[in-house]
C-alpha atoms as a PDB file:
ATOM      1  CA  UNK A   1      -7.090 -15.810 -13.684  1.00  0.00           C
ATOM      2  CA  UNK A   2      -7.216 -12.092 -13.085  1.00  0.00           C
ATOM      3  CA  UNK A   3      -5.989  -9.478 -15.482  1.00  0.00           C
ATOM      4  CA  UNK A   4      -2.651  -7.668 -14.848  1.00  0.00           C
ATOM      5  CA  UNK A   5      -1.802  -4.120 -15.776  1.00  0.00           C
ATOM      6  CA  UNK A   6       1.828  -3.097 -16.559  1.00  0.00           C
ATOM      7  CA  UNK A   7       2.687   0.356 -15.276  1.00  0.00           C
ATOM      8  CA  UNK A   8       5.819   2.531 -15.496  1.00  0.00           C
ATOM      9  CA  UNK A   9       7.269   3.147 -11.988  1.00  0.00           C
ATOM     10  CA  UNK A  10       8.811   6.559 -12.084  1.00  0.00           C
ATOM     11  CA  UNK A  11      10.885   5.875  -8.936  1.00  0.00           C
ATOM     12  CA  UNK A  12      13.360   3.936 -11.035  1.00  0.00           C
ATOM     13  CA  UNK A  13      13.563   6.328 -13.956  1.00  0.00           C
ATOM     14  CA  UNK A  14      17.127   7.449 -13.132  1.00  0.00           C
ATOM     15  CA  UNK A  15      18.275   4.004 -11.880  1.00  0.00           C
ATOM     16  CA  UNK A  16      19.342   0.780 -13.530  1.00  0.00           C
ATOM     17  CA  UNK A  17      17.607  -2.432 -12.379  1.00  0.00           C
ATOM     18  CA  UNK A  18      19.846  -5.474 -11.880  1.00  0.00           C
ATOM     19  CA  UNK A  19      17.323  -8.053 -10.700  1.00  0.00           C
ATOM     20  CA  UNK A  20      13.601  -8.396 -10.006  1.00  0.00           C
ATOM     21  CA  UNK A  21      12.063 -10.994  -7.841  1.00  0.00           C
ATOM     22  CA  UNK A  22       8.312 -11.478  -7.647  1.00  0.00           C
ATOM     23  CA  UNK A  23       6.045 -13.384  -5.456  1.00  0.00           C
ATOM     24  CA  UNK A  24       2.292 -13.922  -5.804  1.00  0.00           C
ATOM     25  CA  UNK A  25       1.533 -10.453  -4.270  1.00  0.00           C
ATOM     26  CA  UNK A  26       4.846  -8.704  -3.855  1.00  0.00           C
ATOM     27  CA  UNK A  27       7.935  -7.623  -5.710  1.00  0.00           C
ATOM     28  CA  UNK A  28      11.538  -6.887  -4.808  1.00  0.00           C
ATOM     29  CA  UNK A  29      13.829  -4.839  -7.057  1.00  0.00           C
ATOM     30  CA  UNK A  30      17.661  -4.839  -6.764  1.00  0.00           C
ATOM     31  CA  UNK A  31      19.269  -1.798  -8.405  1.00  0.00           C
ATOM     32  CA  UNK A  32      22.802  -1.765  -9.773  1.00  0.00           C
ATOM     33  CA  UNK A  33      23.823   0.640  -6.888  1.00  0.00           C
ATOM     34  CA  UNK A  34      22.961  -2.170  -4.362  1.00  0.00           C
ATOM     35  CA  UNK A  35      19.710  -0.665  -3.052  1.00  0.00           C
ATOM     36  CA  UNK A  36      16.668  -2.907  -2.683  1.00  0.00           C
ATOM     37  CA  UNK A  37      13.078  -1.703  -3.063  1.00  0.00           C
ATOM     38  CA  UNK A  38       9.888  -3.631  -2.368  1.00  0.00           C
ATOM     39  CA  UNK A  39       6.175  -3.163  -2.956  1.00  0.00           C
ATOM     40  CA  UNK A  40       2.964  -5.088  -2.906  1.00  0.00           C
ATOM     41  CA  UNK A  41       1.405  -7.072  -0.071  1.00  0.00           C
ATOM     42  CA  UNK A  42       3.484  -7.587   3.012  1.00  0.00           C
ATOM     43  CA  UNK A  43       1.263  -9.029   5.766  1.00  0.00           C
ATOM     44  CA  UNK A  44       3.952 -11.549   6.788  1.00  0.00           C
ATOM     45  CA  UNK A  45       7.017  -9.438   6.373  1.00  0.00           C
ATOM     46  CA  UNK A  46       7.510 -10.193   2.641  1.00  0.00           C
ATOM     47  CA  UNK A  47       8.451  -6.606   1.907  1.00  0.00           C
ATOM     48  CA  UNK A  48      11.301  -6.491   4.416  1.00  0.00           C
ATOM     49  CA  UNK A  49       9.897  -3.375   6.068  1.00  0.00           C
ATOM     50  CA  UNK A  50       7.953  -4.968   8.977  1.00  0.00           C
ATOM     51  CA  UNK A  51       5.069  -7.365   9.480  1.00  0.00           C
ATOM     52  CA  UNK A  52       2.452  -4.647  10.021  1.00  0.00           C
ATOM     53  CA  UNK A  53       2.514  -3.375   6.487  1.00  0.00           C
ATOM     54  CA  UNK A  54      -0.574  -4.636   4.614  1.00  0.00           C
ATOM     55  CA  UNK A  55       0.069  -3.018   1.148  1.00  0.00           C
ATOM     56  CA  UNK A  56       2.498  -0.615  -0.483  1.00  0.00           C
ATOM     57  CA  UNK A  57       1.557   0.748  -3.916  1.00  0.00           C
ATOM     58  CA  UNK A  58       4.857   2.491  -4.492  1.00  0.00           C
ATOM     59  CA  UNK A  59       8.427   1.075  -3.994  1.00  0.00           C
ATOM     60  CA  UNK A  60       9.873   1.500  -0.564  1.00  0.00           C
ATOM     61  CA  UNK A  61      13.639   1.268   0.189  1.00  0.00           C
ATOM     62  CA  UNK A  62      14.490  -1.737   2.294  1.00  0.00           C
ATOM     63  CA  UNK A  63      16.974  -1.026   5.033  1.00  0.00           C
ATOM     64  CA  UNK A  64      19.522  -3.836   5.077  1.00  0.00           C
ATOM     65  CA  UNK A  65      21.778  -3.887   8.123  1.00  0.00           C
ATOM     66  CA  UNK A  66      25.485  -3.741   7.198  1.00  0.00           C
ATOM     67  CA  UNK A  67      26.115  -6.863   9.301  1.00  0.00           C
ATOM     68  CA  UNK A  68      23.825  -8.740   6.839  1.00  0.00           C
ATOM     69  CA  UNK A  69      25.841  -7.930   3.721  1.00  0.00           C
END
C-alpha cells in the first residue's frame, strides 16, 4: 500500500462541503450551494469534464446541464 498525504485545498476555504465521493484515483465534492468539483485521474470520464483529461491536481467545476437536475 502506498502512503497518502492529506492537504488543505484552498479552493473550498470560503465554501461548505456537503458530501465527498472518492474513487481509487479521483474525488468529487458537492458543496452546499449545489456546485460539484472534481479532481484526480479522469482517463475514462470519471471527473465529468471530458474523457481526454488525464489528471487534475486542483478541483475543477463540473458543468451539469440544467436538464440533468
